[in-house]
């Protein structure tokens, strides 16, 4: 290994040449600050740690081909984009969780709430049963397993536009199913009260 680099440009060059000490120096210098940014935005320690680890893993794996002029700008831009990607990927799932929490008087993990949550998930699964197989697969990969559209398109051998079409149709169908299930539940509750 080479000696410890003096300047940021020497550190970048050493990293690109595979110097593990340069990587360790970058990691020790930036990891905590990057983690704080991610944690403040996500409010979830494990996810923030995972995002930062992913950035450093990618930095090491792609070190020879990366075009870095300023470490600070590069690394914190990477944090910003990872946070945005994470929030985007969790959007629909978070909407269902927020919906459940809005109608829950106490957000805790007691038995009654766990059963209600499981019922909601079961209802979602039943709603997906009415979808064509390809739409069901695409919806499940996107909304429940958080795959990005390009990855789904490659997996199911369709264009991204076609995948987006399936997602739109599936989302509308499941939304209608959930509305009907909710109305049925209200009518049943009303009938029981009479």
N, C-alpha and C. Protein backbone atom coordinates (compact mmCIF):
# COMPACT_ATOMS: atom_id res chain seq x y z
N UNK A 1 0.83 -1.18 0.00
CA UNK A 1 0.00 0.00 0.00
C UNK A 1 0.88 1.25 0.00
N UNK A 2 0.27 2.31 -0.49
CA UNK A 2 1.00 3.57 -0.53
C UNK A 2 0.94 4.25 0.83
N UNK A 3 1.73 5.32 1.00
CA UNK A 3 1.68 6.05 2.26
C UNK A 3 0.39 6.85 2.32
N UNK A 4 0.05 7.33 3.53
CA UNK A 4 -1.19 8.07 3.70
C UNK A 4 -1.21 9.31 2.82
N UNK A 5 -2.24 9.48 2.01
CA UNK A 5 -2.32 10.64 1.14
C UNK A 5 -2.51 11.91 1.94
N UNK A 6 -1.95 13.01 1.45
CA UNK A 6 -2.01 14.29 2.15
C UNK A 6 -3.26 15.08 1.77
N UNK A 7 -3.58 15.17 0.51
CA UNK A 7 -4.70 16.00 0.08
C UNK A 7 -5.88 15.14 -0.35
N UNK A 8 -7.01 15.80 -0.53
CA UNK A 8 -8.21 15.09 -0.97
C UNK A 8 -7.99 14.45 -2.34
N UNK A 9 -7.33 15.13 -3.24
CA UNK A 9 -7.07 14.58 -4.58
C UNK A 9 -6.17 13.36 -4.50
N UNK A 10 -5.18 13.39 -3.61
CA UNK A 10 -4.33 12.22 -3.43
C UNK A 10 -5.12 11.06 -2.82
N UNK A 11 -6.03 11.40 -1.92
CA UNK A 11 -6.88 10.39 -1.29
C UNK A 11 -7.78 9.73 -2.34
N UNK A 12 -8.36 10.54 -3.21
CA UNK A 12 -9.21 10.02 -4.29
C UNK A 12 -8.39 9.13 -5.22
N UNK A 13 -7.22 9.60 -5.60
CA UNK A 13 -6.36 8.82 -6.50
C UNK A 13 -5.96 7.50 -5.85
N UNK A 14 -5.62 7.55 -4.57
CA UNK A 14 -5.23 6.32 -3.86
C UNK A 14 -6.41 5.35 -3.80
N UNK A 15 -7.60 5.87 -3.54
CA UNK A 15 -8.79 5.03 -3.51
C UNK A 15 -8.99 4.36 -4.87
N UNK A 16 -8.89 5.13 -5.93
CA UNK A 16 -9.10 4.59 -7.27
C UNK A 16 -8.05 3.55 -7.64
N UNK A 17 -6.90 3.62 -7.00
CA UNK A 17 -5.84 2.62 -7.24
C UNK A 17 -5.96 1.42 -6.30
N UNK A 18 -7.02 1.39 -5.48
CA UNK A 18 -7.26 0.23 -4.63
C UNK A 18 -6.60 0.29 -3.26
N UNK A 19 -6.20 1.46 -2.82
CA UNK A 19 -5.55 1.60 -1.52
C UNK A 19 -6.61 1.48 -0.41
N UNK A 20 -6.53 0.40 0.37
CA UNK A 20 -7.52 0.17 1.43
C UNK A 20 -7.40 1.20 2.54
N UNK A 21 -6.20 1.69 2.79
CA UNK A 21 -6.04 2.71 3.84
C UNK A 21 -6.73 4.01 3.43
N UNK A 22 -6.69 4.33 2.14
CA UNK A 22 -7.39 5.53 1.67
C UNK A 22 -8.90 5.35 1.87
N UNK A 23 -9.40 4.17 1.53
CA UNK A 23 -10.82 3.89 1.73
C UNK A 23 -11.19 4.00 3.21
N UNK A 24 -10.36 3.41 4.07
CA UNK A 24 -10.62 3.46 5.51
C UNK A 24 -10.62 4.91 6.02
N UNK A 25 -9.69 5.71 5.51
CA UNK A 25 -9.63 7.12 5.90
C UNK A 25 -10.91 7.85 5.48
N UNK A 26 -11.35 7.61 4.26
CA UNK A 26 -12.59 8.23 3.77
C UNK A 26 -13.77 7.78 4.63
N UNK A 27 -13.83 6.48 4.90
CA UNK A 27 -14.91 5.92 5.70
C UNK A 27 -14.95 6.57 7.08
N UNK A 28 -13.80 6.60 7.75
CA UNK A 28 -13.76 7.16 9.11
C UNK A 28 -14.06 8.66 9.12
N UNK A 29 -13.67 9.35 8.05
CA UNK A 29 -13.89 10.79 7.98
C UNK A 29 -15.36 11.14 7.73
N UNK A 30 -16.03 10.37 6.88
CA UNK A 30 -17.36 10.76 6.42
C UNK A 30 -18.52 9.94 6.97
N UNK A 31 -18.27 8.72 7.45
CA UNK A 31 -19.38 7.83 7.78
C UNK A 31 -20.36 8.45 8.75
N UNK A 32 -19.90 8.97 9.85
CA UNK A 32 -20.82 9.46 10.89
C UNK A 32 -21.62 10.66 10.40
N UNK A 33 -20.97 11.59 9.71
CA UNK A 33 -21.69 12.76 9.20
C UNK A 33 -22.75 12.34 8.18
N UNK A 34 -22.42 11.38 7.33
CA UNK A 34 -23.38 10.88 6.35
C UNK A 34 -24.55 10.19 7.06
N UNK A 35 -24.22 9.40 8.06
CA UNK A 35 -25.25 8.71 8.84
C UNK A 35 -26.20 9.71 9.48
N UNK A 36 -25.68 10.79 10.06
CA UNK A 36 -26.53 11.79 10.71
C UNK A 36 -27.51 12.40 9.72
N UNK A 37 -27.04 12.70 8.51
CA UNK A 37 -27.93 13.27 7.49
C UNK A 37 -29.05 12.29 7.17
N UNK A 38 -28.69 11.03 6.94
CA UNK A 38 -29.69 10.01 6.60
C UNK A 38 -30.64 9.79 7.77
N UNK A 39 -30.12 9.73 8.97
CA UNK A 39 -30.96 9.48 10.14
C UNK A 39 -31.95 10.62 10.37
N UNK A 40 -31.49 11.85 10.21
CA UNK A 40 -32.38 13.00 10.40
C UNK A 40 -33.55 12.98 9.42
N UNK A 41 -33.29 12.52 8.20
CA UNK A 41 -34.35 12.49 7.19
C UNK A 41 -35.27 11.29 7.37
N UNK A 42 -34.70 10.13 7.71
CA UNK A 42 -35.48 8.89 7.75
C UNK A 42 -36.04 8.55 9.13
N UNK A 43 -35.40 9.06 10.17
CA UNK A 43 -35.81 8.77 11.55
C UNK A 43 -35.83 7.26 11.84
N UNK A 44 -34.88 6.55 11.23
CA UNK A 44 -34.80 5.11 11.45
C UNK A 44 -33.32 4.73 11.38
N UNK A 45 -32.77 4.35 12.51
CA UNK A 45 -31.34 4.11 12.62
C UNK A 45 -30.84 3.00 11.69
N UNK A 46 -31.50 1.85 11.69
CA UNK A 46 -31.02 0.72 10.91
C UNK A 46 -31.04 1.02 9.40
N UNK A 47 -32.11 1.68 8.95
CA UNK A 47 -32.20 2.01 7.53
C UNK A 47 -31.12 3.02 7.15
N UNK A 48 -30.90 4.01 8.00
CA UNK A 48 -29.86 5.01 7.74
C UNK A 48 -28.49 4.33 7.67
N UNK A 49 -28.20 3.44 8.60
CA UNK A 49 -26.93 2.72 8.59
C UNK A 49 -26.78 1.90 7.31
N UNK A 50 -27.85 1.22 6.93
CA UNK A 50 -27.81 0.38 5.74
C UNK A 50 -27.56 1.21 4.47
N UNK A 51 -28.21 2.36 4.37
CA UNK A 51 -28.01 3.21 3.20
C UNK A 51 -26.55 3.68 3.10
N UNK A 52 -25.99 4.07 4.22
CA UNK A 52 -24.60 4.55 4.21
C UNK A 52 -23.65 3.40 3.89
N UNK A 53 -23.91 2.22 4.44
CA UNK A 53 -23.08 1.05 4.11
C UNK A 53 -23.15 0.74 2.62
N UNK A 54 -24.35 0.85 2.04
CA UNK A 54 -24.51 0.61 0.60
C UNK A 54 -23.67 1.60 -0.22
N UNK A 55 -23.66 2.84 0.21
CA UNK A 55 -22.88 3.86 -0.50
C UNK A 55 -21.39 3.51 -0.45
N UNK A 56 -20.90 3.14 0.73
CA UNK A 56 -19.48 2.81 0.84
C UNK A 56 -19.13 1.51 0.12
N UNK A 57 -20.04 0.57 0.13
CA UNK A 57 -19.81 -0.68 -0.62
C UNK A 57 -19.68 -0.38 -2.10
N UNK A 58 -20.61 0.44 -2.61
CA UNK A 58 -20.57 0.82 -4.03
C UNK A 58 -19.30 1.63 -4.33
N UNK A 59 -18.92 2.51 -3.40
CA UNK A 59 -17.70 3.32 -3.59
C UNK A 59 -16.49 2.40 -3.76
N UNK A 60 -16.39 1.37 -2.94
CA UNK A 60 -15.25 0.46 -3.04
C UNK A 60 -15.31 -0.38 -4.32
N UNK A 61 -16.48 -0.92 -4.61
CA UNK A 61 -16.61 -1.80 -5.77
C UNK A 61 -16.38 -1.05 -7.09
N UNK A 62 -16.81 0.18 -7.16
CA UNK A 62 -16.74 0.94 -8.41
C UNK A 62 -15.67 2.02 -8.37
N UNK A 63 -14.74 1.90 -7.45
CA UNK A 63 -13.73 2.94 -7.23
C UNK A 63 -12.93 3.30 -8.47
N UNK A 64 -12.61 2.30 -9.29
CA UNK A 64 -11.75 2.55 -10.44
C UNK A 64 -12.46 3.33 -11.54
N UNK A 65 -13.77 3.23 -11.60
CA UNK A 65 -14.51 3.87 -12.69
C UNK A 65 -15.24 5.14 -12.27
N UNK A 66 -15.27 5.43 -10.98
CA UNK A 66 -16.00 6.61 -10.50
C UNK A 66 -15.22 7.88 -10.82
N UNK A 67 -15.97 8.91 -11.20
CA UNK A 67 -15.40 10.23 -11.47
C UNK A 67 -15.70 11.12 -10.28
N UNK A 68 -14.75 11.23 -9.38
CA UNK A 68 -14.93 12.02 -8.16
C UNK A 68 -13.94 13.18 -8.19
N UNK A 69 -14.48 14.40 -8.04
CA UNK A 69 -13.60 15.55 -7.94
C UNK A 69 -13.57 16.09 -6.51
N UNK A 70 -14.71 16.01 -5.82
CA UNK A 70 -14.79 16.42 -4.42
C UNK A 70 -15.49 15.33 -3.63
N UNK A 71 -14.83 14.79 -2.65
CA UNK A 71 -15.40 13.71 -1.85
C UNK A 71 -16.67 14.16 -1.13
N UNK A 72 -16.61 15.30 -0.50
CA UNK A 72 -17.74 15.80 0.27
C UNK A 72 -18.99 15.89 -0.61
N UNK A 73 -18.88 16.57 -1.73
CA UNK A 73 -20.02 16.74 -2.64
C UNK A 73 -20.50 15.39 -3.17
N UNK A 74 -19.57 14.53 -3.55
CA UNK A 74 -19.94 13.23 -4.10
C UNK A 74 -20.67 12.37 -3.07
N UNK A 75 -20.11 12.26 -1.87
CA UNK A 75 -20.69 11.38 -0.86
C UNK A 75 -22.04 11.89 -0.35
N UNK A 76 -22.18 13.20 -0.13
CA UNK A 76 -23.45 13.71 0.37
C UNK A 76 -24.52 13.76 -0.72
N UNK A 77 -24.11 13.87 -1.97
CA UNK A 77 -25.08 13.71 -3.06
C UNK A 77 -25.58 12.28 -3.10
N UNK A 78 -24.67 11.34 -2.90
CA UNK A 78 -25.05 9.93 -2.87
C UNK A 78 -26.05 9.68 -1.73
N UNK A 79 -25.82 10.29 -0.58
CA UNK A 79 -26.75 10.14 0.55
C UNK A 79 -28.12 10.68 0.16
N UNK A 80 -28.13 11.87 -0.44
CA UNK A 80 -29.41 12.48 -0.83
C UNK A 80 -30.17 11.56 -1.78
N UNK A 81 -29.50 11.03 -2.80
CA UNK A 81 -30.17 10.18 -3.78
C UNK A 81 -30.62 8.85 -3.16
N UNK A 82 -29.84 8.30 -2.26
CA UNK A 82 -30.24 7.06 -1.59
C UNK A 82 -31.49 7.29 -0.74
N UNK A 83 -31.55 8.42 -0.05
CA UNK A 83 -32.72 8.75 0.76
C UNK A 83 -33.95 8.89 -0.13
N UNK A 84 -33.81 9.62 -1.23
CA UNK A 84 -34.92 9.82 -2.16
C UNK A 84 -35.39 8.48 -2.71
N UNK A 85 -34.46 7.63 -3.14
CA UNK A 85 -34.82 6.32 -3.67
C UNK A 85 -35.53 5.48 -2.61
N UNK A 86 -35.03 5.55 -1.38
CA UNK A 86 -35.65 4.77 -0.30
C UNK A 86 -37.07 5.25 -0.04
N UNK A 87 -37.27 6.54 0.04
CA UNK A 87 -38.60 7.09 0.31
C UNK A 87 -39.55 6.75 -0.84
N UNK A 88 -39.06 6.88 -2.07
CA UNK A 88 -39.90 6.52 -3.23
C UNK A 88 -40.30 5.06 -3.18
N UNK A 89 -39.35 4.21 -2.85
CA UNK A 89 -39.64 2.77 -2.87
C UNK A 89 -40.60 2.38 -1.76
N UNK A 90 -40.66 3.14 -0.69
CA UNK A 90 -41.53 2.81 0.44
C UNK A 90 -42.85 3.56 0.39
N UNK A 91 -43.03 4.45 -0.56
CA UNK A 91 -44.21 5.30 -0.62
C UNK A 91 -45.52 4.57 -0.46
N UNK A 92 -45.89 3.66 -1.37
CA UNK A 92 -47.20 3.01 -1.26
C UNK A 92 -47.35 2.17 0.01
N UNK A 93 -46.30 1.49 0.42
CA UNK A 93 -46.38 0.70 1.64
C UNK A 93 -46.64 1.62 2.83
N UNK A 94 -45.92 2.76 2.86
CA UNK A 94 -46.12 3.71 3.95
C UNK A 94 -47.54 4.27 3.95
N UNK A 95 -48.13 4.45 2.77
CA UNK A 95 -49.49 4.97 2.70
C UNK A 95 -50.46 4.01 3.38
N UNK A 96 -50.29 2.70 3.15
CA UNK A 96 -51.16 1.73 3.80
C UNK A 96 -50.94 1.71 5.30
N UNK A 97 -49.70 1.78 5.72
CA UNK A 97 -49.40 1.79 7.15
C UNK A 97 -49.97 3.04 7.80
N UNK A 98 -49.81 4.20 7.15
CA UNK A 98 -50.37 5.44 7.69
C UNK A 98 -51.88 5.36 7.77
N UNK A 99 -52.51 4.76 6.77
CA UNK A 99 -53.96 4.59 6.79
C UNK A 99 -54.36 3.76 8.01
N UNK A 100 -53.67 2.66 8.22
CA UNK A 100 -53.95 1.80 9.36
C UNK A 100 -53.75 2.57 10.67
N UNK A 101 -52.63 3.30 10.77
CA UNK A 101 -52.34 4.02 12.00
C UNK A 101 -53.34 5.14 12.26
N UNK A 102 -53.86 5.75 11.20
CA UNK A 102 -54.82 6.84 11.38
C UNK A 102 -56.10 6.34 12.03
N UNK A 103 -56.47 5.09 11.77
CA UNK A 103 -57.69 4.54 12.33
C UNK A 103 -57.44 3.71 13.58
N UNK A 104 -56.25 3.74 14.06
CA UNK A 104 -55.90 2.99 15.25
C UNK A 104 -55.78 3.97 16.42
N UNK A 105 -56.55 3.80 17.50
CA UNK A 105 -56.47 4.75 18.61
C UNK A 105 -55.11 4.76 19.30
N UNK A 106 -54.48 3.62 19.38
CA UNK A 106 -53.14 3.54 19.98
C UNK A 106 -52.26 2.75 19.03
N UNK A 107 -51.09 3.32 18.73
CA UNK A 107 -50.18 2.63 17.84
C UNK A 107 -49.21 1.81 18.69
N UNK A 108 -49.63 0.59 18.95
CA UNK A 108 -48.76 -0.32 19.67
C UNK A 108 -48.95 -1.71 19.08
N UNK A 109 -48.29 -2.69 19.64
CA UNK A 109 -48.31 -4.03 19.07
C UNK A 109 -49.13 -4.99 19.91
N UNK A 110 -50.27 -4.53 20.46
CA UNK A 110 -51.06 -5.49 21.22
C UNK A 110 -51.79 -6.43 20.27
N UNK A 111 -52.38 -7.43 20.78
CA UNK A 111 -52.99 -8.50 19.99
C UNK A 111 -54.07 -7.96 19.05
N UNK A 112 -54.93 -7.10 19.55
CA UNK A 112 -56.03 -6.57 18.73
C UNK A 112 -55.50 -5.83 17.50
N UNK A 113 -54.47 -5.02 17.70
CA UNK A 113 -53.90 -4.27 16.58
C UNK A 113 -53.17 -5.18 15.60
N UNK A 114 -52.51 -6.17 16.12
CA UNK A 114 -51.82 -7.12 15.26
C UNK A 114 -52.82 -7.87 14.38
N UNK A 115 -53.93 -8.26 14.97
CA UNK A 115 -54.97 -8.95 14.20
C UNK A 115 -55.54 -8.03 13.13
N UNK A 116 -55.80 -6.78 13.49
CA UNK A 116 -56.34 -5.82 12.52
C UNK A 116 -55.36 -5.59 11.38
N UNK A 117 -54.10 -5.45 11.72
CA UNK A 117 -53.07 -5.26 10.69
C UNK A 117 -53.01 -6.48 9.77
N UNK A 118 -53.02 -7.66 10.35
CA UNK A 118 -52.98 -8.89 9.55
C UNK A 118 -54.22 -9.00 8.66
N UNK A 119 -55.37 -8.57 9.18
CA UNK A 119 -56.59 -8.56 8.37
C UNK A 119 -56.45 -7.62 7.18
N UNK A 120 -55.85 -6.47 7.41
CA UNK A 120 -55.63 -5.53 6.31
C UNK A 120 -54.73 -6.14 5.25
N UNK A 121 -53.66 -6.78 5.66
CA UNK A 121 -52.75 -7.43 4.70
C UNK A 121 -53.48 -8.55 3.97
N UNK A 122 -54.30 -9.32 4.68
CA UNK A 122 -55.07 -10.40 4.06
C UNK A 122 -56.05 -9.83 3.03
N UNK A 123 -56.67 -8.70 3.36
CA UNK A 123 -57.59 -8.06 2.44
C UNK A 123 -56.86 -7.59 1.19
N UNK A 124 -55.67 -7.04 1.38
CA UNK A 124 -54.85 -6.65 0.21
C UNK A 124 -54.55 -7.86 -0.66
N UNK A 125 -54.19 -8.96 -0.04
CA UNK A 125 -53.89 -10.18 -0.80
C UNK A 125 -55.12 -10.66 -1.57
N UNK A 126 -56.30 -10.59 -0.93
CA UNK A 126 -57.53 -11.00 -1.61
C UNK A 126 -57.82 -10.07 -2.78
N UNK A 127 -57.55 -8.80 -2.61
CA UNK A 127 -57.75 -7.84 -3.69
C UNK A 127 -56.85 -8.14 -4.87
N UNK A 128 -55.65 -8.63 -4.59
CA UNK A 128 -54.72 -8.98 -5.67
C UNK A 128 -55.14 -10.25 -6.39
N UNK A 129 -55.94 -11.08 -5.76
CA UNK A 129 -56.39 -12.32 -6.40
C UNK A 129 -57.20 -12.06 -7.65
N UNK A 130 -57.85 -10.90 -7.74
CA UNK A 130 -58.68 -10.57 -8.89
C UNK A 130 -57.87 -10.02 -10.06
N UNK A 131 -56.60 -9.79 -9.85
CA UNK A 131 -55.75 -9.23 -10.90
C UNK A 131 -55.26 -10.33 -11.84
N UNK A 132 -55.01 -9.99 -13.09
CA UNK A 132 -54.33 -10.95 -13.98
C UNK A 132 -52.96 -11.28 -13.40
N UNK A 133 -52.46 -12.46 -13.72
CA UNK A 133 -51.20 -12.93 -13.12
C UNK A 133 -50.05 -11.94 -13.30
N UNK A 134 -49.90 -11.41 -14.51
CA UNK A 134 -48.78 -10.50 -14.76
C UNK A 134 -48.94 -9.22 -13.93
N UNK A 135 -50.15 -8.68 -13.88
CA UNK A 135 -50.39 -7.47 -13.08
C UNK A 135 -50.16 -7.74 -11.60
N UNK A 136 -50.59 -8.92 -11.13
CA UNK A 136 -50.40 -9.30 -9.74
C UNK A 136 -48.90 -9.36 -9.41
N UNK A 137 -48.14 -10.01 -10.30
CA UNK A 137 -46.70 -10.11 -10.08
C UNK A 137 -46.04 -8.74 -10.05
N UNK A 138 -46.39 -7.90 -11.01
CA UNK A 138 -45.79 -6.56 -11.09
C UNK A 138 -46.17 -5.74 -9.87
N UNK A 139 -47.43 -5.79 -9.45
CA UNK A 139 -47.87 -5.04 -8.27
C UNK A 139 -47.13 -5.53 -7.03
N UNK A 140 -47.03 -6.84 -6.86
CA UNK A 140 -46.36 -7.41 -5.69
C UNK A 140 -44.88 -6.99 -5.66
N UNK A 141 -44.20 -7.08 -6.81
CA UNK A 141 -42.78 -6.71 -6.87
C UNK A 141 -42.59 -5.23 -6.55
N UNK A 142 -43.48 -4.39 -7.08
CA UNK A 142 -43.33 -2.95 -6.90
C UNK A 142 -43.76 -2.49 -5.51
N UNK A 143 -44.97 -2.84 -5.14
CA UNK A 143 -45.56 -2.26 -3.92
C UNK A 143 -45.23 -3.01 -2.64
N UNK A 144 -45.01 -4.30 -2.74
CA UNK A 144 -44.75 -5.07 -1.53
C UNK A 144 -43.28 -5.44 -1.35
N UNK A 145 -42.56 -5.59 -2.48
CA UNK A 145 -41.14 -5.94 -2.38
C UNK A 145 -40.23 -4.79 -2.78
N UNK A 146 -40.83 -3.65 -3.16
CA UNK A 146 -40.09 -2.41 -3.42
C UNK A 146 -39.07 -2.48 -4.55
N UNK A 147 -39.37 -3.22 -5.60
CA UNK A 147 -38.48 -3.25 -6.76
C UNK A 147 -38.71 -1.99 -7.58
N UNK A 148 -37.66 -1.41 -8.14
CA UNK A 148 -37.85 -0.27 -9.04
C UNK A 148 -38.40 -0.73 -10.39
N UNK A 149 -39.08 0.18 -11.08
CA UNK A 149 -39.72 -0.15 -12.36
C UNK A 149 -38.74 -0.75 -13.38
N UNK A 150 -37.53 -0.17 -13.55
CA UNK A 150 -36.62 -0.77 -14.54
C UNK A 150 -36.27 -2.23 -14.23
N UNK A 151 -36.11 -2.54 -12.96
CA UNK A 151 -35.78 -3.91 -12.57
C UNK A 151 -36.96 -4.85 -12.83
N UNK A 152 -38.17 -4.37 -12.54
CA UNK A 152 -39.36 -5.17 -12.82
C UNK A 152 -39.49 -5.40 -14.32
N UNK A 153 -39.29 -4.34 -15.10
CA UNK A 153 -39.40 -4.45 -16.56
C UNK A 153 -38.45 -5.52 -17.10
N UNK A 154 -37.25 -5.52 -16.60
CA UNK A 154 -36.27 -6.51 -17.04
C UNK A 154 -36.70 -7.92 -16.58
N UNK A 155 -37.20 -8.03 -15.37
CA UNK A 155 -37.58 -9.33 -14.80
C UNK A 155 -38.75 -9.97 -15.55
N UNK A 156 -39.75 -9.15 -15.92
CA UNK A 156 -40.93 -9.69 -16.59
C UNK A 156 -40.86 -9.53 -18.11
N UNK A 157 -39.75 -9.00 -18.58
CA UNK A 157 -39.51 -8.86 -20.02
C UNK A 157 -40.57 -7.98 -20.69
N UNK A 158 -40.83 -6.80 -20.08
CA UNK A 158 -41.74 -5.81 -20.64
C UNK A 158 -41.03 -4.46 -20.65
N UNK A 159 -41.59 -3.51 -21.38
CA UNK A 159 -41.04 -2.15 -21.35
C UNK A 159 -41.43 -1.49 -20.03
N UNK A 160 -40.68 -0.45 -19.65
CA UNK A 160 -41.00 0.26 -18.41
C UNK A 160 -42.39 0.88 -18.50
N UNK A 161 -42.75 1.36 -19.67
CA UNK A 161 -44.08 1.94 -19.88
C UNK A 161 -45.17 0.91 -19.63
N UNK A 162 -44.95 -0.32 -20.11
CA UNK A 162 -45.93 -1.38 -19.89
C UNK A 162 -46.03 -1.73 -18.40
N UNK A 163 -44.91 -1.75 -17.71
CA UNK A 163 -44.91 -2.02 -16.27
C UNK A 163 -45.70 -0.93 -15.54
N UNK A 164 -45.45 0.34 -15.91
CA UNK A 164 -46.18 1.44 -15.28
C UNK A 164 -47.68 1.32 -15.56
N UNK A 165 -48.05 0.89 -16.76
CA UNK A 165 -49.45 0.68 -17.10
C UNK A 165 -50.06 -0.39 -16.17
N UNK A 166 -49.37 -1.51 -16.02
CA UNK A 166 -49.86 -2.58 -15.14
C UNK A 166 -50.00 -2.08 -13.70
N UNK A 167 -49.02 -1.29 -13.24
CA UNK A 167 -49.08 -0.76 -11.87
C UNK A 167 -50.28 0.16 -11.68
N UNK A 168 -50.52 1.02 -12.66
CA UNK A 168 -51.65 1.94 -12.57
C UNK A 168 -52.97 1.18 -12.52
N UNK A 169 -53.13 0.23 -13.42
CA UNK A 169 -54.37 -0.56 -13.45
C UNK A 169 -54.54 -1.38 -12.17
N UNK A 170 -53.47 -2.01 -11.72
CA UNK A 170 -53.54 -2.83 -10.50
C UNK A 170 -53.85 -1.97 -9.28
N UNK A 171 -53.22 -0.80 -9.18
CA UNK A 171 -53.46 0.10 -8.04
C UNK A 171 -54.92 0.53 -8.00
N UNK A 172 -55.46 0.88 -9.16
CA UNK A 172 -56.87 1.29 -9.21
C UNK A 172 -57.78 0.14 -8.80
N UNK A 173 -57.51 -1.05 -9.31
CA UNK A 173 -58.35 -2.21 -9.00
C UNK A 173 -58.30 -2.53 -7.51
N UNK A 174 -57.12 -2.50 -6.92
CA UNK A 174 -56.99 -2.81 -5.49
C UNK A 174 -57.63 -1.71 -4.65
N UNK A 175 -57.49 -0.46 -5.08
CA UNK A 175 -58.13 0.64 -4.36
C UNK A 175 -59.65 0.44 -4.35
N UNK A 176 -60.22 0.09 -5.49
CA UNK A 176 -61.66 -0.17 -5.57
C UNK A 176 -62.05 -1.36 -4.69
N UNK A 177 -61.25 -2.40 -4.72
CA UNK A 177 -61.53 -3.57 -3.88
C UNK A 177 -61.53 -3.19 -2.40
N UNK A 178 -60.53 -2.40 -1.99
CA UNK A 178 -60.45 -1.98 -0.59
C UNK A 178 -61.64 -1.11 -0.20
N UNK A 179 -62.06 -0.23 -1.11
CA UNK A 179 -63.23 0.61 -0.82
C UNK A 179 -64.47 -0.26 -0.65
N UNK A 180 -64.65 -1.24 -1.53
CA UNK A 180 -65.81 -2.13 -1.42
C UNK A 180 -65.74 -2.97 -0.14
N UNK A 181 -64.55 -3.44 0.20
CA UNK A 181 -64.39 -4.23 1.43
C UNK A 181 -64.70 -3.37 2.64
N UNK A 182 -64.29 -2.12 2.61
CA UNK A 182 -64.55 -1.20 3.71
C UNK A 182 -66.04 -0.93 3.85
N UNK A 183 -66.72 -0.70 2.72
CA UNK A 183 -68.17 -0.47 2.74
C UNK A 183 -68.89 -1.71 3.26
N UNK A 184 -68.49 -2.88 2.81
CA UNK A 184 -69.10 -4.12 3.29
C UNK A 184 -68.91 -4.27 4.79
N UNK A 185 -67.74 -3.94 5.27
CA UNK A 185 -67.45 -4.02 6.70
C UNK A 185 -68.33 -3.05 7.48
N UNK A 186 -68.51 -1.84 6.96
CA UNK A 186 -69.38 -0.87 7.63
C UNK A 186 -70.82 -1.35 7.68
N UNK A 187 -71.30 -1.90 6.57
CA UNK A 187 -72.68 -2.42 6.53
C UNK A 187 -72.85 -3.58 7.50
N UNK A 188 -71.87 -4.46 7.55
CA UNK A 188 -71.92 -5.59 8.47
C UNK A 188 -71.92 -5.10 9.92
N UNK A 189 -71.08 -4.12 10.21
CA UNK A 189 -71.02 -3.56 11.57
C UNK A 189 -72.36 -2.91 11.93
N UNK A 190 -72.96 -2.21 10.99
CA UNK A 190 -74.24 -1.55 11.22
C UNK A 190 -75.32 -2.59 11.48
N UNK A 191 -75.31 -3.68 10.69
CA UNK A 191 -76.30 -4.74 10.84
C UNK A 191 -76.17 -5.43 12.22
N UNK A 192 -74.96 -5.61 12.67
CA UNK A 192 -74.72 -6.24 13.97
C UNK A 192 -75.22 -5.35 15.09
N UNK A 193 -75.09 -4.04 14.94
CA UNK A 193 -75.52 -3.10 15.97
C UNK A 193 -77.04 -3.02 16.08
N UNK A 194 -77.75 -3.31 15.00
CA UNK A 194 -79.21 -3.24 15.04
C UNK A 194 -79.75 -4.41 15.73
